[in-house]
Amino acid sequence: MEKNYTTFFLFVVLLGPLSLQSQEIKVFSTADFDLKGAVKNCLVSTNYGKEDFTFNEKGLLTKSVTRYSDNDYDITYYKYGNGELIEKRLENYRDKVFDEGTSIANFYTIDTTENRKVTEKIVSYKKEFLDQYEYLYDADKRLIKIVRTNDDGIDETLVSYKTYRNENTVNYLMNGEMQKSIRTSFKKGKNKEKQQVVLTKKFLNGVPHQAKEEVLDAKGKILSKIDFFFDDTTKQFAPEATVTYTYNADGIISTTETVRGDQTVLNEYVHQFDGEGSGNWVKQIIKPDNTYTTRKISYYELLDEVKE
């Protein structure tokens, strides 16, 4: 019987892009995993699986392992040149056997002779061509076009930018059809602190489908999130769930409150920290369900200068 696997971490985004809505290429570092200091390796364990991350001395992610069991796991390797991602390889193993048929490699070529252009080629380990993406930027280094080419033809996504008063909107249109819209604005929160409001709308076949509004503080930490669904009756977005986040004095999450309809769920986060003085937590317990996550972290030795 064929096994069915679902990646349990949000980190699944790193395995792309293999969808029609390709995203701009992102380089991941320790900061993206809520890690501080010269982290070399971080093994994350939960009651439903493990994820293992390895970083270079500059803090860039070089390897990730998603382990579903002792026999079934995925390994992704990342290679850089001058701080840019130039190669990514996803290798799948089932029953400890390398699965050549589902493993892929991504190769990136960066051209800066005029405006920046990044070409991404995706091939299978059987050396079969799967996809090619071209990311084109304007003189301000903003992404303005994504061209996808494969055996099914060519898809072109145009990215446009609009500013109105204190709102900045980015629209993504694929083959003339709206795919996504991101509107960013600012407001004053408690103690008159500046907060960023990001409203993301997604479309399906050009029709509004779902949306999400996030409020971030000046340091980029999320304060609240509202998920919306599109009500076909009213032809408007309607709130589905609201999550509010609080943090302690060190900026570590302490509670979340989720409101869905007439139900409210309050979760409390309890942390234990390592003895390295880095401020990294090594165990997180979420009450009242007492689900847990542990992290085993190793560090590079501190040097006067970081190696190139």
C-alpha atoms as a PDB file:
ATOM      1  CA  MET A   1       0.000   0.000   0.000  1.00  0.00           C
ATOM      2  CA  GLU A   2       1.343   3.444  -0.896  1.00  0.00           C
ATOM      3  CA  LYS A   3       2.219   5.564   2.119  1.00  0.00           C
ATOM      4  CA  ASN A   4       0.769   9.041   2.548  1.00  0.00           C
ATOM      5  CA  TYR A   5       2.937  11.705   4.174  1.00  0.00           C
ATOM      6  CA  THR A   6       2.033  15.175   5.367  1.00  0.00           C
ATOM      7  CA  THR A   7       4.833  17.507   6.393  1.00  0.00           C
ATOM      8  CA  PHE A   8       4.003  18.703   9.858  1.00  0.00           C
ATOM      9  CA  PHE A   9       6.062  21.896   9.948  1.00  0.00           C
ATOM     10  CA  LEU A  10       5.328  25.184   8.236  1.00  0.00           C
ATOM     11  CA  PHE A  11       8.833  24.766   6.873  1.00  0.00           C
ATOM     12  CA  VAL A  12       7.232  22.854   3.993  1.00  0.00           C
ATOM     13  CA  VAL A  13       7.390  26.100   2.014  1.00  0.00           C
ATOM     14  CA  LEU A  14      11.073  25.459   1.505  1.00  0.00           C
ATOM     15  CA  LEU A  15      10.339  22.437  -0.650  1.00  0.00           C
ATOM     16  CA  GLY A  16       8.834  24.568  -3.426  1.00  0.00           C
ATOM     17  CA  PRO A  17       8.346  26.100  -5.789  1.00  0.00           C
ATOM     18  CA  LEU A  18       6.369  23.437  -7.626  1.00  0.00           C
ATOM     19  CA  SER A  19       3.079  25.342  -7.846  1.00  0.00           C
ATOM     20  CA  LEU A  20       1.665  27.758 -10.374  1.00  0.00           C
ATOM     21  CA  GLN A  21       2.022  30.586  -7.856  1.00  0.00           C
ATOM     22  CA  SER A  22       5.761  30.613  -7.433  1.00  0.00           C
ATOM     23  CA  GLN A  23       7.142  32.877  -4.739  1.00  0.00           C
ATOM     24  CA  GLU A  24      10.188  35.071  -4.783  1.00  0.00           C
ATOM     25  CA  ILE A  25      13.316  33.145  -3.814  1.00  0.00           C
ATOM     26  CA  LYS A  26      14.176  33.491  -0.121  1.00  0.00           C
ATOM     27  CA  VAL A  27      17.364  32.661   1.732  1.00  0.00           C
ATOM     28  CA  PHE A  28      16.666  31.202   5.179  1.00  0.00           C
ATOM     29  CA  SER A  29      18.789  31.847   8.252  1.00  0.00           C
ATOM     30  CA  THR A  30      18.744  31.103  11.993  1.00  0.00           C
ATOM     31  CA  ALA A  31      16.489  34.125  12.561  1.00  0.00           C
ATOM     32  CA  ASP A  32      13.710  32.451  10.551  1.00  0.00           C
ATOM     33  CA  PHE A  33      13.687  29.617  13.099  1.00  0.00           C
ATOM     34  CA  ASP A  34      13.640  31.810  16.205  1.00  0.00           C
ATOM     35  CA  LEU A  35      17.274  30.974  16.938  1.00  0.00           C
ATOM     36  CA  LYS A  36      19.892  33.319  18.373  1.00  0.00           C
ATOM     37  CA  GLY A  37      23.674  33.194  18.374  1.00  0.00           C
ATOM     38  CA  ALA A  38      26.132  31.050  16.392  1.00  0.00           C
ATOM     39  CA  VAL A  39      23.850  28.033  15.994  1.00  0.00           C
ATOM     40  CA  LYS A  40      25.368  25.101  14.116  1.00  0.00           C
ATOM     41  CA  ASN A  41      22.542  22.578  14.367  1.00  0.00           C
ATOM     42  CA  CYS A  42      19.000  22.461  15.767  1.00  0.00           C
ATOM     43  CA  LEU A  43      17.107  19.184  16.163  1.00  0.00           C
ATOM     44  CA  VAL A  44      13.392  19.834  16.704  1.00  0.00           C
ATOM     45  CA  SER A  45      11.320  17.001  18.197  1.00  0.00           C
ATOM     46  CA  THR A  46       7.597  16.848  18.818  1.00  0.00           C
ATOM     47  CA  ASN A  47       5.182  14.073  19.610  1.00  0.00           C
ATOM     48  CA  TYR A  48       4.478  13.696  15.869  1.00  0.00           C
ATOM     49  CA  GLY A  49       7.888  13.876  14.218  1.00  0.00           C
ATOM     50  CA  LYS A  50      11.325  15.468  13.952  1.00  0.00           C
ATOM     51  CA  GLU A  51      12.997  18.210  11.927  1.00  0.00           C
ATOM     52  CA  ASP A  52      16.770  18.687  11.829  1.00  0.00           C
ATOM     53  CA  PHE A  53      18.334  21.991  10.658  1.00  0.00           C
ATOM     54  CA  THR A  54      22.016  22.682   9.951  1.00  0.00           C
ATOM     55  CA  PHE A  55      23.478  26.179   9.449  1.00  0.00           C
ATOM     56  CA  ASN A  56      26.832  27.514   8.263  1.00  0.00           C
ATOM     57  CA  GLU A  57      28.935  29.962  10.289  1.00  0.00           C
ATOM     58  CA  LYS A  58      27.118  32.892   8.675  1.00  0.00           C
ATOM     59  CA  GLY A  59      23.809  31.549   9.957  1.00  0.00           C
ATOM     60  CA  LEU A  60      22.477  30.388   6.567  1.00  0.00           C
ATOM     61  CA  LEU A  61      20.515  27.143   6.336  1.00  0.00           C
ATOM     62  CA  THR A  62      22.566  24.452   4.558  1.00  0.00           C
ATOM     63  CA  LYS A  63      20.606  21.280   5.296  1.00  0.00           C
ATOM     64  CA  SER A  64      17.197  20.249   6.611  1.00  0.00           C
ATOM     65  CA  VAL A  65      15.892  16.777   7.383  1.00  0.00           C
ATOM     66  CA  THR A  66      12.192  16.064   7.826  1.00  0.00           C
ATOM     67  CA  ARG A  67      11.925  12.692   9.542  1.00  0.00           C
ATOM     68  CA  TYR A  68       8.555  10.956   9.545  1.00  0.00           C
ATOM     69  CA  SER A  69       9.996   7.738  11.008  1.00  0.00           C
ATOM     70  CA  ASP A  70      13.363   5.991  11.227  1.00  0.00           C
ATOM     71  CA  ASN A  71      12.841   4.646   7.713  1.00  0.00           C
ATOM     72  CA  ASP A  72      11.063   7.523   5.964  1.00  0.00           C
ATOM     73  CA  TYR A  73      12.561  10.993   5.658  1.00  0.00           C
ATOM     74  CA  ASP A  74      13.338  13.878   3.286  1.00  0.00           C
ATOM     75  CA  ILE A  75      16.668  15.723   3.084  1.00  0.00           C
ATOM     76  CA  THR A  76      17.095  19.156   1.506  1.00  0.00           C
ATOM     77  CA  TYR A  77      20.550  20.643   0.808  1.00  0.00           C
ATOM     78  CA  TYR A  78      21.236  24.347   0.171  1.00  0.00           C
ATOM     79  CA  LYS A  79      24.324  25.758  -1.555  1.00  0.00           C
ATOM     80  CA  TYR A  80      25.272  29.444  -1.678  1.00  0.00           C
ATOM     81  CA  GLY A  81      27.529  31.764  -3.611  1.00  0.00           C
ATOM     82  CA  ASN A  82      28.214  35.275  -2.285  1.00  0.00           C
ATOM     83  CA  GLY A  83      25.243  34.905   0.053  1.00  0.00           C
ATOM     84  CA  GLU A  84      22.902  33.965  -2.814  1.00  0.00           C
ATOM     85  CA  LEU A  85      21.125  30.626  -3.142  1.00  0.00           C
ATOM     86  CA  ILE A  86      22.593  28.868  -6.194  1.00  0.00           C
ATOM     87  CA  GLU A  87      21.494  25.260  -5.662  1.00  0.00           C
ATOM     88  CA  LYS A  88      18.858  23.319  -3.709  1.00  0.00           C
ATOM     89  CA  ARG A  89      18.432  19.559  -3.715  1.00  0.00           C
ATOM     90  CA  LEU A  90      15.487  17.640  -2.268  1.00  0.00           C
ATOM     91  CA  GLU A  91      16.151  13.946  -1.711  1.00  0.00           C
ATOM     92  CA  ASN A  92      13.357  11.626  -0.578  1.00  0.00           C
ATOM     93  CA  TYR A  93      13.959   8.334   1.230  1.00  0.00           C
ATOM     94  CA  ARG A  94      11.283   5.702   1.809  1.00  0.00           C
ATOM     95  CA  ASP A  95      12.052   2.512   3.766  1.00  0.00           C
ATOM     96  CA  LYS A  96      15.629   3.873   3.875  1.00  0.00           C
ATOM     97  CA  VAL A  97      15.805   3.679   0.083  1.00  0.00           C
ATOM     98  CA  PHE A  98      16.555   6.758  -2.017  1.00  0.00           C
ATOM     99  CA  ASP A  99      13.549   7.593  -4.208  1.00  0.00           C
ATOM    100  CA  GLU A 100      15.042   8.905  -7.440  1.00  0.00           C
ATOM    101  CA  GLY A 101      11.637   9.365  -9.027  1.00  0.00           C
ATOM    102  CA  THR A 102      10.415  12.022  -6.562  1.00  0.00           C
ATOM    103  CA  SER A 103      13.728  13.733  -5.769  1.00  0.00           C
ATOM    104  CA  ILE A 104      14.457  17.044  -7.480  1.00  0.00           C
ATOM    105  CA  ALA A 105      17.208  19.633  -7.865  1.00  0.00           C
ATOM    106  CA  ASN A 106      16.862  23.410  -8.250  1.00  0.00           C
ATOM    107  CA  PHE A 107      19.655  25.428  -9.900  1.00  0.00           C
ATOM    108  CA  TYR A 108      19.793  29.233  -9.784  1.00  0.00           C
ATOM    109  CA  THR A 109      21.625  31.581 -12.159  1.00  0.00           C
ATOM    110  CA  ILE A 110      21.886  35.257 -11.223  1.00  0.00           C
ATOM    111  CA  ASP A 111      22.401  37.932 -13.879  1.00  0.00           C
ATOM    112  CA  THR A 112      23.038  41.521 -12.735  1.00  0.00           C
ATOM    113  CA  THR A 113      24.510  42.974 -15.941  1.00  0.00           C
ATOM    114  CA  GLU A 114      21.465  45.257 -16.179  1.00  0.00           C
ATOM    115  CA  ASN A 115      18.459  44.891 -13.887  1.00  0.00           C
ATOM    116  CA  ARG A 116      18.589  41.811 -11.692  1.00  0.00           C
ATOM    117  CA  LYS A 117      17.375  38.557 -13.244  1.00  0.00           C
ATOM    118  CA  VAL A 118      17.318  35.150 -11.557  1.00  0.00           C
ATOM    119  CA  THR A 119      16.728  31.955 -13.530  1.00  0.00           C
ATOM    120  CA  GLU A 120      15.658  28.829 -11.667  1.00  0.00           C
ATOM    121  CA  LYS A 121      15.782  25.433 -13.374  1.00  0.00           C
ATOM    122  CA  ILE A 122      14.128  22.431 -11.746  1.00  0.00           C
ATOM    123  CA  VAL A 123      15.072  18.908 -12.837  1.00  0.00           C
ATOM    124  CA  SER A 124      14.487  15.447 -11.443  1.00  0.00           C
ATOM    125  CA  TYR A 125      17.277  13.161 -10.308  1.00  0.00           C
ATOM    126  CA  LYS A 126      16.490  11.206 -13.456  1.00  0.00           C
ATOM    127  CA  LYS A 127      17.671  14.355 -15.309  1.00  0.00           C
ATOM    128  CA  GLU A 128      14.171  15.123 -16.545  1.00  0.00           C
ATOM    129  CA  PHE A 129      13.293  18.789 -17.037  1.00  0.00           C
ATOM    130  CA  LEU A 130      10.356  19.833 -14.847  1.00  0.00           C
ATOM    131  CA  ASP A 131      10.154  23.624 -14.700  1.00  0.00           C
ATOM    132  CA  GLN A 132      12.000  26.846 -15.347  1.00  0.00           C
ATOM    133  CA  TYR A 133      11.261  30.140 -13.616  1.00  0.00           C
ATOM    134  CA  GLU A 134      12.629  33.546 -14.554  1.00  0.00           C
ATOM    135  CA  TYR A 135      12.404  36.267 -11.892  1.00  0.00           C
ATOM    136  CA  LEU A 136      12.846  39.772 -13.305  1.00  0.00           C
ATOM    137  CA  TYR A 137      13.389  42.909 -11.214  1.00  0.00           C
ATOM    138  CA  ASP A 138      13.209  46.641 -11.866  1.00  0.00           C
ATOM    139  CA  ALA A 139      15.907  49.243 -11.208  1.00  0.00           C
ATOM    140  CA  ASP A 140      14.749  49.455  -7.576  1.00  0.00           C
ATOM    141  CA  LYS A 141      15.318  45.684  -7.194  1.00  0.00           C
ATOM    142  CA  ARG A 142      11.590  45.002  -6.924  1.00  0.00           C
ATOM    143  CA  LEU A 143      10.238  41.789  -8.441  1.00  0.00           C
ATOM    144  CA  ILE A 144       8.112  42.741 -11.465  1.00  0.00           C
ATOM    145  CA  LYS A 145       7.667  39.536 -13.458  1.00  0.00           C
ATOM    146  CA  ILE A 146       7.806  35.740 -13.053  1.00  0.00           C
ATOM    147  CA  VAL A 147       7.883  33.615 -16.195  1.00  0.00           C
ATOM    148  CA  ARG A 148       7.285  29.888 -15.772  1.00  0.00           C
ATOM    149  CA  THR A 149       8.109  27.503 -18.628  1.00  0.00           C
ATOM    150  CA  ASN A 150       7.448  23.756 -18.765  1.00  0.00           C
ATOM    151  CA  ASP A 151       6.017  21.123 -21.079  1.00  0.00           C
ATOM    152  CA  ASP A 152       2.535  22.603 -20.649  1.00  0.00           C
ATOM    153  CA  GLY A 153       3.581  25.995 -22.008  1.00  0.00           C
ATOM    154  CA  ILE A 154       4.430  29.395 -20.564  1.00  0.00           C
ATOM    155  CA  ASP A 155       2.782  31.221 -17.644  1.00  0.00           C
ATOM    156  CA  GLU A 156       3.583  34.867 -17.014  1.00  0.00           C
ATOM    157  CA  THR A 157       2.949  36.542 -13.662  1.00  0.00           C
ATOM    158  CA  LEU A 158       3.130  40.338 -13.592  1.00  0.00           C
ATOM    159  CA  VAL A 159       3.785  42.061 -10.269  1.00  0.00           C
ATOM    160  CA  SER A 160       2.570  45.658  -9.949  1.00  0.00           C
ATOM    161  CA  TYR A 161       3.016  48.200  -7.154  1.00  0.00           C
ATOM    162  CA  LYS A 162       0.663  50.984  -6.114  1.00  0.00           C
ATOM    163  CA  THR A 163       0.856  53.557  -3.321  1.00  0.00           C
ATOM    164  CA  TYR A 164      -2.197  55.444  -2.063  1.00  0.00           C
ATOM    165  CA  ARG A 165      -1.817  57.658   0.983  1.00  0.00           C
ATOM    166  CA  ASN A 166      -0.201  55.403   3.610  1.00  0.00           C
ATOM    167  CA  GLU A 167      -1.068  52.134   1.854  1.00  0.00           C
ATOM    168  CA  ASN A 168       1.202  50.116  -0.420  1.00  0.00           C
ATOM    169  CA  THR A 169      -0.408  47.415  -2.558  1.00  0.00           C
ATOM    170  CA  VAL A 170       1.300  44.657  -4.545  1.00  0.00           C
ATOM    171  CA  ASN A 171      -0.790  42.726  -7.079  1.00  0.00           C
ATOM    172  CA  TYR A 172       0.108  39.420  -8.749  1.00  0.00           C
ATOM    173  CA  LEU A 173      -1.626  38.657 -12.066  1.00  0.00           C
ATOM    174  CA  MET A 174      -0.912  35.384 -13.842  1.00  0.00           C
ATOM    175  CA  ASN A 175      -1.789  35.411 -17.536  1.00  0.00           C
ATOM    176  CA  GLY A 176      -3.956  38.475 -16.854  1.00  0.00           C
ATOM    177  CA  GLU A 177      -5.859  36.832 -13.989  1.00  0.00           C
ATOM    178  CA  MET A 178      -5.563  38.072 -10.413  1.00  0.00           C
ATOM    179  CA  GLN A 179      -3.806  35.587  -8.140  1.00  0.00           C
ATOM    180  CA  LYS A 180      -2.880  37.503  -5.020  1.00  0.00           C
ATOM    181  CA  SER A 181      -2.992  40.994  -3.556  1.00  0.00           C
ATOM    182  CA  ILE A 182      -0.921  42.241  -0.596  1.00  0.00           C
ATOM    183  CA  ARG A 183      -1.792  45.593   1.000  1.00  0.00           C
ATOM    184  CA  THR A 184       0.497  47.055   3.647  1.00  0.00           C
ATOM    185  CA  SER A 185      -0.436  49.996   5.861  1.00  0.00           C
ATOM    186  CA  PHE A 186       0.547  51.393   9.241  1.00  0.00           C
ATOM    187  CA  LYS A 187      -1.244  52.390  12.418  1.00  0.00           C
ATOM    188  CA  LYS A 188      -0.460  53.393  15.994  1.00  0.00           C
ATOM    189  CA  GLY A 189      -0.955  50.734  18.646  1.00  0.00           C
ATOM    190  CA  LYS A 190      -0.584  50.791  22.409  1.00  0.00           C
ATOM    191  CA  ASN A 191       1.877  53.393  23.737  1.00  0.00           C
ATOM    192  CA  LYS A 192       1.678  54.988  20.277  1.00  0.00           C
ATOM    193  CA  GLU A 193       3.984  52.321  18.861  1.00  0.00           C
ATOM    194  CA  LYS A 194       3.997  51.985  15.086  1.00  0.00           C
ATOM    195  CA  GLN A 195       2.362  48.795  13.835  1.00  0.00           C
ATOM    196  CA  GLN A 196       2.305  47.282  10.360  1.00  0.00           C
ATOM    197  CA  VAL A 197      -0.952  45.879   8.973  1.00  0.00           C
ATOM    198  CA  VAL A 198      -0.613  43.355   6.124  1.00  0.00           C
ATOM    199  CA  LEU A 199      -3.758  42.215   4.312  1.00  0.00           C
ATOM    200  CA  THR A 200      -3.226  39.327   1.884  1.00  0.00           C
ATOM    201  CA  LYS A 201      -6.032  38.289  -0.453  1.00  0.00           C
ATOM    202  CA  LYS A 202      -5.880  35.126  -2.548  1.00  0.00           C
ATOM    203  CA  PHE A 203      -7.937  34.428  -5.639  1.00  0.00           C
ATOM    204  CA  LEU A 204      -9.030  31.195  -7.313  1.00  0.00           C
ATOM    205  CA  ASN A 205      -9.699  31.417 -11.056  1.00  0.00           C
ATOM    206  CA  GLY A 206      -9.699  35.191 -10.629  1.00  0.00           C
ATOM    207  CA  VAL A 207     -12.414  35.070  -7.943  1.00  0.00           C
ATOM    208  CA  PRO A 208     -11.768  36.061  -4.299  1.00  0.00           C
ATOM    209  CA  HIS A 209     -11.132  32.924  -2.259  1.00  0.00           C
ATOM    210  CA  GLN A 210      -9.561  33.630   1.127  1.00  0.00           C
ATOM    211  CA  ALA A 211      -7.724  36.369   2.966  1.00  0.00           C
ATOM    212  CA  LYS A 212      -5.521  36.983   5.982  1.00  0.00           C
ATOM    213  CA  GLU A 213      -4.799  40.156   7.957  1.00  0.00           C
ATOM    214  CA  GLU A 214      -1.707  40.301  10.154  1.00  0.00           C
ATOM    215  CA  VAL A 215      -0.668  43.050  12.554  1.00  0.00           C
ATOM    216  CA  LEU A 216       3.080  43.233  13.280  1.00  0.00           C
ATOM    217  CA  ASP A 217       5.033  45.293  15.785  1.00  0.00           C
ATOM    218  CA  ALA A 218       8.105  47.412  14.986  1.00  0.00           C
ATOM    219  CA  LYS A 219      10.350  44.333  15.360  1.00  0.00           C
ATOM    220  CA  GLY A 220       8.270  42.250  12.968  1.00  0.00           C
ATOM    221  CA  LYS A 221       6.616  40.062  15.605  1.00  0.00           C
ATOM    222  CA  ILE A 222       3.035  39.129  14.844  1.00  0.00           C
ATOM    223  CA  LEU A 223       0.507  40.619  17.285  1.00  0.00           C
ATOM    224  CA  SER A 224      -2.716  39.366  15.736  1.00  0.00           C
ATOM    225  CA  LYS A 225      -4.023  37.450  12.746  1.00  0.00           C
ATOM    226  CA  ILE A 226      -7.493  37.243  11.227  1.00  0.00           C
ATOM    227  CA  ASP A 227      -8.339  34.520   8.696  1.00  0.00           C
ATOM    228  CA  PHE A 228     -11.187  35.314   6.301  1.00  0.00           C
ATOM    229  CA  PHE A 229     -13.268  33.226   3.925  1.00  0.00           C
ATOM    230  CA  PHE A 230     -15.174  34.586   0.960  1.00  0.00           C
ATOM    231  CA  ASP A 231     -18.926  34.439   1.547  1.00  0.00           C
ATOM    232  CA  ASP A 232     -20.597  33.620  -1.772  1.00  0.00           C
ATOM    233  CA  THR A 233     -23.913  34.934  -0.445  1.00  0.00           C
ATOM    234  CA  THR A 234     -22.774  38.409   0.575  1.00  0.00           C
ATOM    235  CA  LYS A 235     -19.898  38.481  -1.947  1.00  0.00           C
ATOM    236  CA  GLN A 236     -17.619  39.743   0.805  1.00  0.00           C
ATOM    237  CA  PHE A 237     -14.846  38.423   3.012  1.00  0.00           C
ATOM    238  CA  ALA A 238     -16.051  37.276   6.428  1.00  0.00           C
ATOM    239  CA  PRO A 239     -13.865  36.525   9.486  1.00  0.00           C
ATOM    240  CA  GLU A 240     -13.338  32.854  10.227  1.00  0.00           C
ATOM    241  CA  ALA A 241     -10.828  32.910  13.103  1.00  0.00           C
ATOM    242  CA  THR A 242      -8.887  35.548  15.052  1.00  0.00           C
ATOM    243  CA  VAL A 243      -5.630  34.845  16.885  1.00  0.00           C
ATOM    244  CA  THR A 244      -4.012  37.277  19.336  1.00  0.00           C
ATOM    245  CA  TYR A 245      -0.389  36.818  20.437  1.00  0.00           C
ATOM    246  CA  THR A 246       1.430  38.075  23.554  1.00  0.00           C
ATOM    247  CA  TYR A 247       5.150  37.936  24.375  1.00  0.00           C
ATOM    248  CA  ASN A 248       7.318  38.201  27.458  1.00  0.00           C
ATOM    249  CA  ALA A 249       9.959  40.867  28.057  1.00  0.00           C
ATOM    250  CA  ASP A 250      12.502  38.872  26.026  1.00  0.00           C
ATOM    251  CA  GLY A 251      10.211  38.722  22.993  1.00  0.00           C
ATOM    252  CA  ILE A 252       9.319  35.034  23.427  1.00  0.00           C
ATOM    253  CA  ILE A 253       5.716  34.014  22.881  1.00  0.00           C
ATOM    254  CA  SER A 254       3.743  33.548  26.101  1.00  0.00           C
ATOM    255  CA  THR A 255       0.072  33.184  25.087  1.00  0.00           C
ATOM    256  CA  THR A 256      -2.246  32.900  22.111  1.00  0.00           C
ATOM    257  CA  GLU A 257      -5.983  33.476  22.156  1.00  0.00           C
ATOM    258  CA  THR A 258      -7.964  32.003  19.269  1.00  0.00           C
ATOM    259  CA  VAL A 259     -11.567  33.055  18.674  1.00  0.00           C
ATOM    260  CA  ARG A 260     -13.594  31.020  16.196  1.00  0.00           C
ATOM    261  CA  GLY A 261     -17.299  31.810  16.186  1.00  0.00           C
ATOM    262  CA  ASP A 262     -18.506  31.662  19.786  1.00  0.00           C
ATOM    263  CA  GLN A 263     -15.569  29.520  20.907  1.00  0.00           C
ATOM    264  CA  THR A 264     -12.406  30.908  22.514  1.00  0.00           C
ATOM    265  CA  VAL A 265      -9.252  28.875  23.126  1.00  0.00           C
ATOM    266  CA  LEU A 266      -6.447  30.258  25.303  1.00  0.00           C
ATOM    267  CA  ASN A 267      -3.026  28.621  25.071  1.00  0.00           C
ATOM    268  CA  GLU A 268      -0.123  29.313  27.416  1.00  0.00           C
ATOM    269  CA  TYR A 269       3.487  28.702  26.357  1.00  0.00           C
ATOM    270  CA  VAL A 270       6.022  27.572  28.952  1.00  0.00           C
ATOM    271  CA  HIS A 271       9.713  27.482  28.016  1.00  0.00           C
ATOM    272  CA  GLN A 272      12.921  25.997  29.317  1.00  0.00           C
ATOM    273  CA  PHE A 273      16.230  27.484  28.131  1.00  0.00           C
ATOM    274  CA  ASP A 274      19.674  26.135  27.383  1.00  0.00           C
ATOM    275  CA  GLY A 275      22.709  26.995  29.447  1.00  0.00           C
ATOM    276  CA  GLU A 276      24.625  28.719  26.675  1.00  0.00           C
ATOM    277  CA  GLY A 277      23.425  32.208  27.538  1.00  0.00           C
ATOM    278  CA  SER A 278      22.035  32.614  24.021  1.00  0.00           C
ATOM    279  CA  GLY A 279      18.415  32.988  25.052  1.00  0.00           C
ATOM    280  CA  ASN A 280      17.345  29.969  22.975  1.00  0.00           C
ATOM    281  CA  TRP A 281      14.623  27.768  24.397  1.00  0.00           C
ATOM    282  CA  VAL A 282      15.085  23.997  24.365  1.00  0.00           C
ATOM    283  CA  LYS A 283      11.618  22.913  25.486  1.00  0.00           C
ATOM    284  CA  GLN A 284       8.239  24.471  24.814  1.00  0.00           C
ATOM    285  CA  ILE A 285       5.055  23.207  26.473  1.00  0.00           C
ATOM    286  CA  ILE A 286       1.685  24.452  25.271  1.00  0.00           C
ATOM    287  CA  LYS A 287      -1.041  24.358  27.910  1.00  0.00           C
ATOM    288  CA  PRO A 288      -3.699  23.202  28.595  1.00  0.00           C
ATOM    289  CA  ASP A 289      -3.174  20.265  26.181  1.00  0.00           C
ATOM    290  CA  ASN A 290       0.466  19.907  27.300  1.00  0.00           C
ATOM    291  CA  THR A 291       1.715  19.341  23.768  1.00  0.00           C
ATOM    292  CA  TYR A 292       5.440  19.885  23.612  1.00  0.00           C
ATOM    293  CA  THR A 293       8.370  20.679  21.366  1.00  0.00           C
ATOM    294  CA  THR A 294      12.022  20.132  22.292  1.00  0.00           C
ATOM    295  CA  ARG A 295      15.092  21.544  20.589  1.00  0.00           C
ATOM    296  CA  LYS A 296      18.606  20.176  20.869  1.00  0.00           C
ATOM    297  CA  ILE A 297      20.949  22.974  19.826  1.00  0.00           C
ATOM    298  CA  SER A 298      24.695  22.951  19.129  1.00  0.00           C
ATOM    299  CA  TYR A 299      26.827  26.042  18.503  1.00  0.00           C
ATOM    300  CA  TYR A 300      29.925  27.076  16.627  1.00  0.00           C
ATOM    301  CA  GLU A 301      32.873  28.107  18.747  1.00  0.00           C
ATOM    302  CA  LEU A 302      33.122  31.872  18.975  1.00  0.00           C
ATOM    303  CA  LEU A 303      35.836  33.263  16.723  1.00  0.00           C
ATOM    304  CA  ASP A 304      37.215  36.754  16.341  1.00  0.00           C
ATOM    305  CA  GLU A 305      36.161  36.708  12.709  1.00  0.00           C
ATOM    306  CA  VAL A 306      33.506  34.651  10.956  1.00  0.00           C
ATOM    307  CA  LYS A 307      34.995  32.478   8.254  1.00  0.00           C
ATOM    308  CA  GLU A 308      34.094  33.327   4.707  1.00  0.00           C
END
